[in-house]
Amino acid sequence: MFQAFRQTLYADAGYQKAMTSVGVLIDAAVTRRLGPHPSASPRWPQIQARFATATRLEIGFWDMGLRGA
């Protein structure tokens, strides 16, 4: 049941439109702060490391829920 809900939610045109808008906002914010080539910024390695950490924590959070911890 949840899988059907999730597929409906993420496939919904309104959801897709909202996420496209969010992507545009994030891209614009990155360009304003780091320039048109963010990976050339001296801050890039630190940003990349923080993103990797945030991703690992997010995975851990959802894994706990799936395991019922």
Protein backbone atom coordinates (compact mmCIF):
# COMPACT_ATOMS: atom_id res chain seq x y z
CA MET A 1 0.00 0.00 0.00
CA PHE A 2 2.74 2.47 0.93
CA GLN A 3 4.60 1.77 -2.31
CA ALA A 4 1.51 2.65 -4.36
CA PHE A 5 1.10 5.87 -2.34
CA ARG A 6 4.76 6.76 -2.81
CA GLN A 7 4.65 6.15 -6.54
CA THR A 8 1.49 8.26 -6.84
CA LEU A 9 2.95 11.06 -4.74
CA TYR A 10 6.28 11.31 -6.55
CA ALA A 11 4.70 10.92 -10.00
CA ASP A 12 2.09 13.63 -9.36
CA ALA A 13 2.47 16.58 -11.75
CA GLY A 14 2.17 19.09 -8.89
CA TYR A 15 4.94 17.37 -6.94
CA GLN A 16 7.17 17.23 -10.01
CA LYS A 17 6.57 20.92 -10.70
CA ALA A 18 7.37 21.86 -7.10
CA MET A 19 10.60 19.83 -7.13
CA THR A 20 11.66 21.39 -10.44
CA SER A 21 11.14 24.84 -8.87
CA VAL A 22 13.15 23.84 -5.81
CA GLY A 23 15.96 22.62 -8.06
CA VAL A 24 16.04 25.96 -9.87
CA LEU A 25 16.22 27.81 -6.53
CA ILE A 26 19.06 25.61 -5.27
CA ASP A 27 21.01 25.96 -8.53
CA ALA A 28 20.63 29.75 -8.39
CA ALA A 29 21.77 29.87 -4.76
CA VAL A 30 24.85 27.76 -5.52
CA THR A 31 25.72 29.95 -8.50
CA ARG A 32 25.37 33.13 -6.42
CA ARG A 33 27.61 31.78 -3.67
CA LEU A 34 30.18 29.75 -5.60
CA GLY A 35 30.03 31.09 -9.15
CA PRO A 36 29.14 29.36 -12.41
CA HIS A 37 31.60 26.49 -11.82
CA PRO A 38 31.06 25.38 -8.21
CA SER A 39 33.46 22.45 -8.39
CA ALA A 40 36.28 24.90 -9.13
CA SER A 41 35.64 26.72 -5.84
CA PRO A 42 38.23 26.20 -3.08
CA ARG A 43 35.26 25.45 -0.79
CA TRP A 44 34.11 22.52 -2.94
CA PRO A 45 35.90 19.71 -1.05
CA GLN A 46 34.39 20.87 2.25
CA ILE A 47 30.92 21.21 0.75
CA GLN A 48 31.21 17.79 -0.84
CA ALA A 49 32.30 16.22 2.46
CA ARG A 50 29.37 17.80 4.30
CA PHE A 51 26.93 16.57 1.70
CA ALA A 52 28.34 13.05 1.96
CA THR A 53 27.95 13.17 5.76
CA ALA A 54 24.38 14.47 5.50
CA THR A 55 23.55 11.70 3.03
CA ARG A 56 24.97 9.00 5.33
CA LEU A 57 22.95 10.39 8.25
CA GLU A 58 19.77 10.48 6.16
CA ILE A 59 20.29 6.86 5.09
CA GLY A 60 20.85 5.88 8.74
CA PHE A 61 17.66 7.66 9.80
CA TRP A 62 15.50 5.85 7.26
CA ASP A 63 17.22 2.52 7.93
CA MET A 64 16.30 2.83 11.63
CA GLY A 65 12.66 3.34 10.67
CA LEU A 66 12.68 0.41 8.29
CA ARG A 67 14.26 -1.85 10.93
CA GLY A 68 11.84 -0.62 13.59
CA ALA A 69 14.65 0.61 15.82
